Amino acid sequence: MASNTSSALQESGMLSKDRLLRLFASFSALTSQPEVKKRIRDAVKDKQEAVAVTTAIQEEIFLEMGIDPRFGISCLGKINSVYENDQGLMIQFYGFVAKEEMACDEAELEPDEYAEKLRIQHQLQEQQLEMLKHMRKFHPDDQSAILEALQKQMENGNFDNSSTVLNFDQIQEIVQKRVAP
């Protein structure tokens, strides 16, 4: 990795969408490499927090990109408010967050525990996909009402995985409430 410390580092404003996407892609590529996975796992064995290592990796990427690491990390905390209307970037950001969580889990969990977590996550994604397919059958106004109800359910459930899915009966009930006077 080439260092960019000899030139001025960006340390003000907000990171552009392109720079954020570059960070997300670089982080994903790095955390998929066996030597980086080993780095995180070794840190956990040494009683360090896995997230401290993933944060250090992000800081290294920021430096390589010519961004002050502390500034870059602070920008990550502002993405939700600055880019809230950019659906594509928000999806990429949540993917980045999920990738970091999975990198930490892989280092912290035993292989069988990690495999089980992946299985459960895959099952949840399948349920979410079925829910979305079912939602498409409804009018856009009904879809909005369903998504609002899902958001409330997720907030009330503290964003627990089980709160990210509505079953067919729940969807039907939301739509019927909208239609009923």
N, C-alpha and C. Protein backbone atom coordinates (compact mmCIF):
# COMPACT_ATOMS: atom_id res chain seq x y z
N MET A 1 0.84 -1.19 0.00
CA MET A 1 0.00 0.00 0.00
C MET A 1 0.88 1.24 0.00
N ALA A 2 0.66 2.08 -0.95
CA ALA A 2 1.43 3.32 -1.03
C ALA A 2 0.86 4.32 -0.04
N SER A 3 1.75 4.95 0.69
CA SER A 3 1.30 5.93 1.68
C SER A 3 1.20 7.29 1.04
N ASN A 4 0.30 8.09 1.53
CA ASN A 4 0.05 9.41 0.98
C ASN A 4 0.36 10.48 2.01
N THR A 5 1.25 10.16 2.95
CA THR A 5 1.49 11.07 4.06
C THR A 5 2.28 12.30 3.67
N SER A 6 3.01 12.27 2.54
CA SER A 6 3.82 13.43 2.17
C SER A 6 2.96 14.58 1.64
N SER A 7 1.79 14.29 1.10
CA SER A 7 0.91 15.35 0.62
C SER A 7 -0.18 15.61 1.66
N ALA A 8 -0.88 16.72 1.48
CA ALA A 8 -1.92 17.09 2.43
C ALA A 8 -3.05 16.06 2.40
N LEU A 9 -3.53 15.71 3.57
CA LEU A 9 -4.64 14.76 3.70
C LEU A 9 -5.95 15.52 3.80
N GLN A 10 -7.00 14.97 3.18
CA GLN A 10 -8.32 15.58 3.34
C GLN A 10 -8.74 15.43 4.78
N GLU A 11 -9.14 16.55 5.38
CA GLU A 11 -9.57 16.50 6.78
C GLU A 11 -10.74 17.42 7.06
N SER A 12 -11.44 17.82 6.01
CA SER A 12 -12.63 18.66 6.21
C SER A 12 -13.65 18.37 5.13
N GLY A 13 -14.86 18.87 5.36
CA GLY A 13 -15.95 18.62 4.43
C GLY A 13 -16.57 17.26 4.69
N MET A 14 -16.99 16.63 3.62
CA MET A 14 -17.56 15.28 3.71
C MET A 14 -16.97 14.49 2.56
N LEU A 15 -16.77 13.20 2.78
CA LEU A 15 -16.24 12.36 1.72
C LEU A 15 -17.26 12.23 0.60
N SER A 16 -16.77 12.27 -0.63
CA SER A 16 -17.65 12.13 -1.79
C SER A 16 -18.16 10.69 -1.89
N LYS A 17 -19.20 10.53 -2.64
CA LYS A 17 -19.77 9.20 -2.87
C LYS A 17 -18.72 8.27 -3.47
N ASP A 18 -17.96 8.78 -4.45
CA ASP A 18 -16.93 7.96 -5.09
C ASP A 18 -15.87 7.48 -4.09
N ARG A 19 -15.46 8.38 -3.20
CA ARG A 19 -14.45 7.99 -2.22
C ARG A 19 -15.01 6.97 -1.24
N LEU A 20 -16.26 7.14 -0.84
CA LEU A 20 -16.88 6.17 0.06
C LEU A 20 -16.99 4.80 -0.62
N LEU A 21 -17.42 4.79 -1.86
CA LEU A 21 -17.54 3.53 -2.59
C LEU A 21 -16.18 2.85 -2.73
N ARG A 22 -15.14 3.65 -2.93
CA ARG A 22 -13.78 3.10 -3.02
C ARG A 22 -13.39 2.47 -1.68
N LEU A 23 -13.70 3.16 -0.58
CA LEU A 23 -13.42 2.59 0.75
C LEU A 23 -14.15 1.26 0.92
N PHE A 24 -15.44 1.24 0.60
CA PHE A 24 -16.24 0.03 0.78
C PHE A 24 -15.65 -1.14 -0.02
N ALA A 25 -15.28 -0.87 -1.28
CA ALA A 25 -14.72 -1.92 -2.14
C ALA A 25 -13.37 -2.40 -1.62
N SER A 26 -12.51 -1.46 -1.22
CA SER A 26 -11.18 -1.83 -0.71
C SER A 26 -11.30 -2.64 0.57
N PHE A 27 -12.18 -2.22 1.46
CA PHE A 27 -12.37 -2.92 2.72
C PHE A 27 -12.86 -4.34 2.48
N SER A 28 -13.82 -4.47 1.58
CA SER A 28 -14.37 -5.79 1.27
C SER A 28 -13.28 -6.70 0.69
N ALA A 29 -12.49 -6.16 -0.23
CA ALA A 29 -11.42 -6.95 -0.84
C ALA A 29 -10.38 -7.36 0.21
N LEU A 30 -9.99 -6.42 1.05
CA LEU A 30 -8.97 -6.72 2.06
C LEU A 30 -9.46 -7.75 3.08
N THR A 31 -10.67 -7.56 3.58
CA THR A 31 -11.16 -8.47 4.63
C THR A 31 -11.52 -9.85 4.09
N SER A 32 -11.45 -10.02 2.79
CA SER A 32 -11.66 -11.34 2.19
C SER A 32 -10.35 -12.11 2.06
N GLN A 33 -9.23 -11.42 2.24
CA GLN A 33 -7.92 -12.05 2.08
C GLN A 33 -7.55 -12.86 3.32
N PRO A 34 -7.01 -14.06 3.13
CA PRO A 34 -6.66 -14.92 4.26
C PRO A 34 -5.72 -14.26 5.27
N GLU A 35 -4.73 -13.49 4.80
CA GLU A 35 -3.78 -12.89 5.75
C GLU A 35 -4.44 -11.80 6.59
N VAL A 36 -5.44 -11.13 6.05
CA VAL A 36 -6.16 -10.11 6.82
C VAL A 36 -7.09 -10.79 7.83
N LYS A 37 -7.74 -11.86 7.39
CA LYS A 37 -8.57 -12.63 8.33
C LYS A 37 -7.73 -13.14 9.50
N LYS A 38 -6.51 -13.60 9.19
CA LYS A 38 -5.59 -14.08 10.22
C LYS A 38 -5.19 -12.93 11.15
N ARG A 39 -4.95 -11.75 10.59
CA ARG A 39 -4.60 -10.58 11.40
C ARG A 39 -5.69 -10.28 12.43
N ILE A 40 -6.95 -10.33 12.00
CA ILE A 40 -8.07 -10.05 12.90
C ILE A 40 -8.20 -11.16 13.94
N ARG A 41 -8.09 -12.41 13.48
CA ARG A 41 -8.19 -13.57 14.39
C ARG A 41 -7.07 -13.55 15.43
N ASP A 42 -5.84 -13.23 15.01
CA ASP A 42 -4.71 -13.17 15.94
C ASP A 42 -4.91 -12.08 16.99
N ALA A 43 -5.47 -10.96 16.57
CA ALA A 43 -5.74 -9.87 17.51
C ALA A 43 -6.75 -10.31 18.57
N VAL A 44 -7.78 -11.04 18.14
CA VAL A 44 -8.78 -11.55 19.08
C VAL A 44 -8.13 -12.52 20.06
N LYS A 45 -7.25 -13.38 19.55
CA LYS A 45 -6.53 -14.32 20.44
C LYS A 45 -5.68 -13.57 21.46
N ASP A 46 -5.20 -12.39 21.07
CA ASP A 46 -4.39 -11.55 21.98
C ASP A 46 -5.27 -10.64 22.84
N LYS A 47 -6.56 -10.97 22.91
CA LYS A 47 -7.53 -10.24 23.75
C LYS A 47 -7.80 -8.81 23.28
N GLN A 48 -7.61 -8.56 21.98
CA GLN A 48 -7.97 -7.26 21.41
C GLN A 48 -9.36 -7.38 20.80
N GLU A 49 -10.03 -6.26 20.66
CA GLU A 49 -11.34 -6.25 20.03
C GLU A 49 -11.17 -6.37 18.52
N ALA A 50 -11.95 -7.24 17.90
CA ALA A 50 -11.88 -7.40 16.45
C ALA A 50 -12.21 -6.09 15.74
N VAL A 51 -13.16 -5.34 16.29
CA VAL A 51 -13.56 -4.08 15.67
C VAL A 51 -12.41 -3.07 15.69
N ALA A 52 -11.51 -3.17 16.66
CA ALA A 52 -10.35 -2.27 16.68
C ALA A 52 -9.46 -2.54 15.47
N VAL A 53 -9.34 -3.80 15.10
CA VAL A 53 -8.51 -4.16 13.94
C VAL A 53 -9.21 -3.74 12.65
N THR A 54 -10.52 -3.96 12.55
CA THR A 54 -11.21 -3.55 11.32
C THR A 54 -11.19 -2.02 11.18
N THR A 55 -11.25 -1.32 12.29
CA THR A 55 -11.15 0.15 12.25
C THR A 55 -9.75 0.56 11.79
N ALA A 56 -8.73 -0.13 12.29
CA ALA A 56 -7.35 0.16 11.86
C ALA A 56 -7.19 -0.09 10.36
N ILE A 57 -7.82 -1.13 9.86
CA ILE A 57 -7.77 -1.43 8.42
C ILE A 57 -8.43 -0.28 7.64
N GLN A 58 -9.56 0.18 8.12
CA GLN A 58 -10.23 1.32 7.47
C GLN A 58 -9.34 2.55 7.50
N GLU A 59 -8.66 2.79 8.61
CA GLU A 59 -7.76 3.94 8.71
C GLU A 59 -6.61 3.83 7.72
N GLU A 60 -6.09 2.61 7.53
CA GLU A 60 -5.02 2.39 6.56
C GLU A 60 -5.51 2.69 5.14
N ILE A 61 -6.73 2.29 4.84
CA ILE A 61 -7.30 2.56 3.52
C ILE A 61 -7.47 4.07 3.34
N PHE A 62 -7.98 4.74 4.37
CA PHE A 62 -8.14 6.20 4.29
C PHE A 62 -6.80 6.87 4.01
N LEU A 63 -5.76 6.46 4.72
CA LEU A 63 -4.43 7.05 4.49
C LEU A 63 -3.99 6.85 3.04
N GLU A 64 -4.18 5.65 2.54
CA GLU A 64 -3.82 5.35 1.16
C GLU A 64 -4.59 6.23 0.17
N MET A 65 -5.81 6.58 0.54
CA MET A 65 -6.66 7.41 -0.32
C MET A 65 -6.38 8.91 -0.14
N GLY A 66 -5.46 9.26 0.77
CA GLY A 66 -5.17 10.66 1.00
C GLY A 66 -6.17 11.35 1.92
N ILE A 67 -6.73 10.58 2.82
CA ILE A 67 -7.73 11.09 3.76
C ILE A 67 -7.21 10.91 5.17
N ASP A 68 -7.31 11.94 5.99
CA ASP A 68 -6.93 11.82 7.39
C ASP A 68 -7.80 10.72 8.01
N PRO A 69 -7.19 9.70 8.62
CA PRO A 69 -7.97 8.57 9.15
C PRO A 69 -9.05 8.97 10.16
N ARG A 70 -8.74 9.87 11.08
CA ARG A 70 -9.76 10.28 12.06
C ARG A 70 -10.92 10.97 11.36
N PHE A 71 -10.59 11.80 10.38
CA PHE A 71 -11.64 12.48 9.62
C PHE A 71 -12.48 11.46 8.85
N GLY A 72 -11.83 10.49 8.22
CA GLY A 72 -12.55 9.46 7.47
C GLY A 72 -13.51 8.67 8.34
N ILE A 73 -13.03 8.28 9.52
CA ILE A 73 -13.88 7.53 10.45
C ILE A 73 -15.06 8.39 10.88
N SER A 74 -14.81 9.69 11.12
CA SER A 74 -15.92 10.57 11.53
C SER A 74 -16.94 10.71 10.41
N CYS A 75 -16.49 10.69 9.16
CA CYS A 75 -17.42 10.77 8.03
C CYS A 75 -18.33 9.55 7.97
N LEU A 76 -17.81 8.39 8.35
CA LEU A 76 -18.64 7.19 8.34
C LEU A 76 -19.85 7.36 9.26
N GLY A 77 -19.66 8.08 10.35
CA GLY A 77 -20.76 8.33 11.28
C GLY A 77 -21.79 9.31 10.77
N LYS A 78 -21.46 10.00 9.68
CA LYS A 78 -22.37 11.01 9.12
C LYS A 78 -23.09 10.54 7.85
N ILE A 79 -22.74 9.37 7.36
CA ILE A 79 -23.30 8.90 6.09
C ILE A 79 -24.82 8.86 6.13
N ASN A 80 -25.40 8.35 7.23
CA ASN A 80 -26.86 8.25 7.32
C ASN A 80 -27.56 9.58 7.13
N SER A 81 -26.99 10.65 7.66
CA SER A 81 -27.66 11.94 7.54
C SER A 81 -27.31 12.65 6.23
N VAL A 82 -26.07 12.58 5.79
CA VAL A 82 -25.65 13.31 4.59
C VAL A 82 -26.19 12.65 3.32
N TYR A 83 -26.18 11.33 3.28
CA TYR A 83 -26.57 10.61 2.07
C TYR A 83 -27.89 9.85 2.22
N GLU A 84 -28.74 10.26 3.15
CA GLU A 84 -29.96 9.50 3.44
C GLU A 84 -30.87 9.32 2.23
N ASN A 85 -30.80 10.23 1.26
CA ASN A 85 -31.67 10.12 0.07
C ASN A 85 -31.01 9.41 -1.09
N ASP A 86 -29.79 8.95 -0.91
CA ASP A 86 -29.08 8.22 -1.96
C ASP A 86 -29.20 6.73 -1.66
N GLN A 87 -30.25 6.13 -2.18
CA GLN A 87 -30.56 4.74 -1.86
C GLN A 87 -29.41 3.81 -2.24
N GLY A 88 -28.80 4.03 -3.39
CA GLY A 88 -27.70 3.17 -3.82
C GLY A 88 -26.53 3.21 -2.86
N LEU A 89 -26.15 4.41 -2.45
CA LEU A 89 -25.03 4.53 -1.51
C LEU A 89 -25.39 3.93 -0.16
N MET A 90 -26.62 4.16 0.29
CA MET A 90 -27.03 3.61 1.58
C MET A 90 -26.99 2.08 1.56
N ILE A 91 -27.39 1.48 0.46
CA ILE A 91 -27.33 0.02 0.35
C ILE A 91 -25.87 -0.44 0.43
N GLN A 92 -24.99 0.27 -0.29
CA GLN A 92 -23.57 -0.07 -0.25
C GLN A 92 -23.00 0.11 1.17
N PHE A 93 -23.43 1.18 1.84
CA PHE A 93 -22.96 1.44 3.21
C PHE A 93 -23.39 0.32 4.16
N TYR A 94 -24.65 -0.09 4.07
CA TYR A 94 -25.10 -1.16 4.95
C TYR A 94 -24.39 -2.47 4.63
N GLY A 95 -24.06 -2.68 3.35
CA GLY A 95 -23.26 -3.84 2.98
C GLY A 95 -21.87 -3.78 3.61
N PHE A 96 -21.29 -2.60 3.61
CA PHE A 96 -19.98 -2.37 4.24
C PHE A 96 -20.04 -2.67 5.74
N VAL A 97 -21.08 -2.17 6.40
CA VAL A 97 -21.26 -2.42 7.83
C VAL A 97 -21.42 -3.91 8.10
N ALA A 98 -22.21 -4.57 7.26
CA ALA A 98 -22.42 -6.02 7.41
C ALA A 98 -21.11 -6.78 7.19
N LYS A 99 -20.32 -6.33 6.22
CA LYS A 99 -19.03 -6.98 5.94
C LYS A 99 -18.11 -6.86 7.15
N GLU A 100 -18.10 -5.68 7.78
CA GLU A 100 -17.28 -5.50 8.98
C GLU A 100 -17.76 -6.42 10.10
N GLU A 101 -19.06 -6.49 10.29
CA GLU A 101 -19.61 -7.35 11.33
C GLU A 101 -19.25 -8.81 11.08
N MET A 102 -19.34 -9.23 9.83
CA MET A 102 -19.02 -10.62 9.51
C MET A 102 -17.53 -10.90 9.69
N ALA A 103 -16.67 -9.94 9.35
CA ALA A 103 -15.23 -10.12 9.56
C ALA A 103 -14.93 -10.28 11.05
N CYS A 104 -15.60 -9.49 11.88
CA CYS A 104 -15.43 -9.60 13.33
C CYS A 104 -15.96 -10.93 13.84
N ASP A 105 -17.14 -11.31 13.39
CA ASP A 105 -17.74 -12.58 13.83
C ASP A 105 -16.86 -13.76 13.45
N GLU A 106 -16.32 -13.73 12.23
CA GLU A 106 -15.49 -14.85 11.78
C GLU A 106 -14.26 -15.00 12.68
N ALA A 107 -13.73 -13.87 13.16
CA ALA A 107 -12.56 -13.91 14.03
C ALA A 107 -12.93 -14.31 15.46
N GLU A 108 -14.10 -13.92 15.91
CA GLU A 108 -14.49 -14.12 17.32
C GLU A 108 -15.18 -15.45 17.59
N LEU A 109 -15.85 -15.99 16.60
CA LEU A 109 -16.64 -17.21 16.80
C LEU A 109 -15.85 -18.45 16.40
N GLU A 110 -16.21 -19.56 17.00
CA GLU A 110 -15.67 -20.85 16.58
C GLU A 110 -16.22 -21.14 15.18
N PRO A 111 -15.49 -21.94 14.39
CA PRO A 111 -15.94 -22.20 13.01
C PRO A 111 -17.39 -22.72 12.91
N ASP A 112 -17.80 -23.60 13.82
CA ASP A 112 -19.16 -24.12 13.77
C ASP A 112 -20.18 -23.04 14.15
N GLU A 113 -19.83 -22.17 15.08
CA GLU A 113 -20.72 -21.06 15.45
C GLU A 113 -20.87 -20.07 14.29
N TYR A 114 -19.76 -19.80 13.63
CA TYR A 114 -19.78 -18.88 12.49
C TYR A 114 -20.61 -19.47 11.35
N ALA A 115 -20.44 -20.75 11.09
CA ALA A 115 -21.21 -21.42 10.04
C ALA A 115 -22.71 -21.35 10.35
N GLU A 116 -23.06 -21.55 11.61
CA GLU A 116 -24.46 -21.48 12.02
C GLU A 116 -25.01 -20.06 11.84
N LYS A 117 -24.20 -19.07 12.19
CA LYS A 117 -24.62 -17.68 12.00
C LYS A 117 -24.86 -17.38 10.51
N LEU A 118 -23.97 -17.87 9.66
CA LEU A 118 -24.14 -17.68 8.22
C LEU A 118 -25.42 -18.36 7.73
N ARG A 119 -25.68 -19.57 8.24
CA ARG A 119 -26.88 -20.30 7.85
C ARG A 119 -28.14 -19.53 8.25
N ILE A 120 -28.16 -19.02 9.47
CA ILE A 120 -29.31 -18.26 9.96
C ILE A 120 -29.47 -16.98 9.14
N GLN A 121 -28.36 -16.33 8.86
CA GLN A 121 -28.43 -15.10 8.06
C GLN A 121 -28.98 -15.38 6.66
N HIS A 122 -28.54 -16.46 6.06
CA HIS A 122 -29.04 -16.83 4.73
C HIS A 122 -30.54 -17.13 4.79
N GLN A 123 -30.97 -17.83 5.82
CA GLN A 123 -32.38 -18.15 5.99
C GLN A 123 -33.20 -16.86 6.14
N LEU A 124 -32.70 -15.92 6.92
CA LEU A 124 -33.37 -14.65 7.12
C LEU A 124 -33.48 -13.88 5.80
N GLN A 125 -32.40 -13.88 5.03
CA GLN A 125 -32.42 -13.19 3.74
C GLN A 125 -33.46 -13.82 2.80
N GLU A 126 -33.60 -15.13 2.85
CA GLU A 126 -34.61 -15.81 2.04
C GLU A 126 -36.01 -15.37 2.46
N GLN A 127 -36.24 -15.27 3.77
CA GLN A 127 -37.54 -14.82 4.28
C GLN A 127 -37.81 -13.37 3.86
N GLN A 128 -36.79 -12.54 3.92
CA GLN A 128 -36.95 -11.14 3.51
C GLN A 128 -37.28 -11.05 2.02
N LEU A 129 -36.62 -11.86 1.22
CA LEU A 129 -36.89 -11.87 -0.21
C LEU A 129 -38.32 -12.30 -0.50
N GLU A 130 -38.80 -13.31 0.20
CA GLU A 130 -40.19 -13.76 0.02
C GLU A 130 -41.16 -12.65 0.44
N MET A 131 -40.84 -11.95 1.52
CA MET A 131 -41.69 -10.85 1.97
C MET A 131 -41.74 -9.76 0.90
N LEU A 132 -40.58 -9.43 0.32
CA LEU A 132 -40.55 -8.39 -0.71
C LEU A 132 -41.31 -8.82 -1.97
N LYS A 133 -41.18 -10.08 -2.34
CA LYS A 133 -41.93 -10.59 -3.49
C LYS A 133 -43.44 -10.46 -3.24
N HIS A 134 -43.85 -10.80 -2.02
CA HIS A 134 -45.27 -10.70 -1.67
C HIS A 134 -45.73 -9.25 -1.68
N MET A 135 -44.90 -8.36 -1.18
CA MET A 135 -45.24 -6.93 -1.13
C MET A 135 -45.47 -6.33 -2.51
N ARG A 136 -44.73 -6.81 -3.50
CA ARG A 136 -44.84 -6.27 -4.86
C ARG A 136 -46.24 -6.42 -5.45
N LYS A 137 -47.02 -7.30 -4.88
CA LYS A 137 -48.38 -7.53 -5.38
C LYS A 137 -49.33 -6.41 -5.00
N PHE A 138 -48.89 -5.53 -4.10
CA PHE A 138 -49.75 -4.48 -3.58
C PHE A 138 -49.48 -3.13 -4.24
N HIS A 139 -50.44 -2.25 -4.11
CA HIS A 139 -50.34 -0.88 -4.61
C HIS A 139 -49.16 -0.18 -3.91
N PRO A 140 -48.49 0.75 -4.60
CA PRO A 140 -47.36 1.46 -3.99
C PRO A 140 -47.68 2.11 -2.63
N ASP A 141 -48.89 2.64 -2.47
CA ASP A 141 -49.27 3.23 -1.18
C ASP A 141 -49.31 2.16 -0.08
N ASP A 142 -49.81 0.98 -0.44
CA ASP A 142 -49.83 -0.13 0.51
C ASP A 142 -48.40 -0.58 0.84
N GLN A 143 -47.55 -0.60 -0.18
CA GLN A 143 -46.16 -0.98 0.04
C GLN A 143 -45.49 -0.01 1.02
N SER A 144 -45.79 1.27 0.86
CA SER A 144 -45.22 2.27 1.78
C SER A 144 -45.71 2.03 3.20
N ALA A 145 -46.98 1.72 3.35
CA ALA A 145 -47.54 1.44 4.68
C ALA A 145 -46.87 0.20 5.28
N ILE A 146 -46.64 -0.80 4.46
CA ILE A 146 -46.00 -2.03 4.93
C ILE A 146 -44.57 -1.72 5.40
N LEU A 147 -43.85 -0.94 4.61
CA LEU A 147 -42.48 -0.60 4.98
C LEU A 147 -42.43 0.26 6.25
N GLU A 148 -43.39 1.14 6.40
CA GLU A 148 -43.46 1.95 7.63
C GLU A 148 -43.70 1.04 8.84
N ALA A 149 -44.60 0.08 8.69
CA ALA A 149 -44.88 -0.85 9.78
C ALA A 149 -43.63 -1.70 10.08
N LEU A 150 -42.92 -2.09 9.05
CA LEU A 150 -41.70 -2.87 9.23
C LEU A 150 -40.65 -2.05 9.96
N GLN A 151 -40.52 -0.78 9.59
CA GLN A 151 -39.56 0.09 10.26
C GLN A 151 -39.89 0.22 11.75
N LYS A 152 -41.18 0.42 12.07
CA LYS A 152 -41.58 0.52 13.48
C LYS A 152 -41.27 -0.78 14.21
N GLN A 153 -41.56 -1.90 13.56
CA GLN A 153 -41.30 -3.21 14.18
C GLN A 153 -39.81 -3.37 14.45
N MET A 154 -38.98 -2.95 13.49
CA MET A 154 -37.53 -3.07 13.67
C MET A 154 -37.05 -2.17 14.79
N GLU A 155 -37.55 -0.95 14.86
CA GLU A 155 -37.17 -0.02 15.93
C GLU A 155 -37.59 -0.57 17.29
N ASN A 156 -38.82 -1.07 17.37
CA ASN A 156 -39.31 -1.64 18.63
C ASN A 156 -38.55 -2.90 19.02
N GLY A 157 -38.08 -3.64 18.02
CA GLY A 157 -37.32 -4.86 18.27
C GLY A 157 -35.84 -4.62 18.39
N ASN A 158 -35.45 -3.35 18.47
CA ASN A 158 -34.04 -2.97 18.59
C ASN A 158 -33.21 -3.54 17.43
N PHE A 159 -33.82 -3.60 16.27
CA PHE A 159 -33.19 -4.06 15.03
C PHE A 159 -32.69 -5.50 15.12
N ASP A 160 -33.33 -6.27 15.97
CA ASP A 160 -33.03 -7.69 16.07
C ASP A 160 -33.42 -8.35 14.75
N ASN A 161 -32.67 -9.37 14.34
CA ASN A 161 -32.92 -10.02 13.05
C ASN A 161 -34.36 -10.46 12.88
N SER A 162 -34.97 -10.97 13.92
CA SER A 162 -36.34 -11.47 13.80
C SER A 162 -37.33 -10.35 13.52
N SER A 163 -36.94 -9.11 13.79
CA SER A 163 -37.86 -7.99 13.56
C SER A 163 -37.79 -7.46 12.13
N THR A 164 -36.96 -8.06 11.28
CA THR A 164 -36.77 -7.54 9.93
C THR A 164 -37.66 -8.22 8.88
N VAL A 165 -38.61 -9.00 9.36
CA VAL A 165 -39.51 -9.71 8.44
C VAL A 165 -40.94 -9.59 8.94
N LEU A 166 -41.85 -9.36 8.00
CA LEU A 166 -43.29 -9.44 8.29
C LEU A 166 -43.82 -10.67 7.56
N ASN A 167 -44.67 -11.44 8.23
CA ASN A 167 -45.23 -12.60 7.55
C ASN A 167 -46.44 -12.17 6.71
N PHE A 168 -46.95 -13.09 5.91
CA PHE A 168 -48.05 -12.77 5.00
C PHE A 168 -49.27 -12.23 5.74
N ASP A 169 -49.59 -12.83 6.89
CA ASP A 169 -50.75 -12.38 7.66
C ASP A 169 -50.57 -10.95 8.17
N GLN A 170 -49.37 -10.64 8.62
CA GLN A 170 -49.10 -9.28 9.10
C GLN A 170 -49.23 -8.26 7.96
N ILE A 171 -48.74 -8.62 6.79
CA ILE A 171 -48.84 -7.74 5.62
C ILE A 171 -50.30 -7.54 5.26
N GLN A 172 -51.05 -8.63 5.24
CA GLN A 172 -52.48 -8.57 4.91
C GLN A 172 -53.21 -7.65 5.89
N GLU A 173 -52.88 -7.77 7.16
CA GLU A 173 -53.52 -6.96 8.20
C GLU A 173 -53.21 -5.47 8.01
N ILE A 174 -52.00 -5.15 7.66
CA ILE A 174 -51.61 -3.75 7.43
C ILE A 174 -52.40 -3.16 6.26
N VAL A 175 -52.49 -3.93 5.19
CA VAL A 175 -53.21 -3.47 4.00
C VAL A 175 -54.70 -3.31 4.30
N GLN A 176 -55.29 -4.26 5.04
CA GLN A 176 -56.70 -4.18 5.38
C GLN A 176 -56.99 -3.00 6.27
N LYS A 177 -56.09 -2.67 7.19
CA LYS A 177 -56.27 -1.50 8.05
C LYS A 177 -56.30 -0.22 7.22
N ARG A 178 -55.49 -0.18 6.17
CA ARG A 178 -55.44 1.00 5.31
C ARG A 178 -56.75 1.15 4.53
N VAL A 179 -57.34 0.03 4.13
CA VAL A 179 -58.55 0.06 3.31
C VAL A 179 -59.79 0.33 4.17
N ALA A 180 -59.80 -0.23 5.38
CA ALA A 180 -60.97 -0.08 6.26
C ALA A 180 -61.14 1.38 6.70
N PRO A 181 -62.40 1.86 6.72
CA PRO A 181 -62.65 3.26 7.13
C PRO A 181 -62.44 3.47 8.62
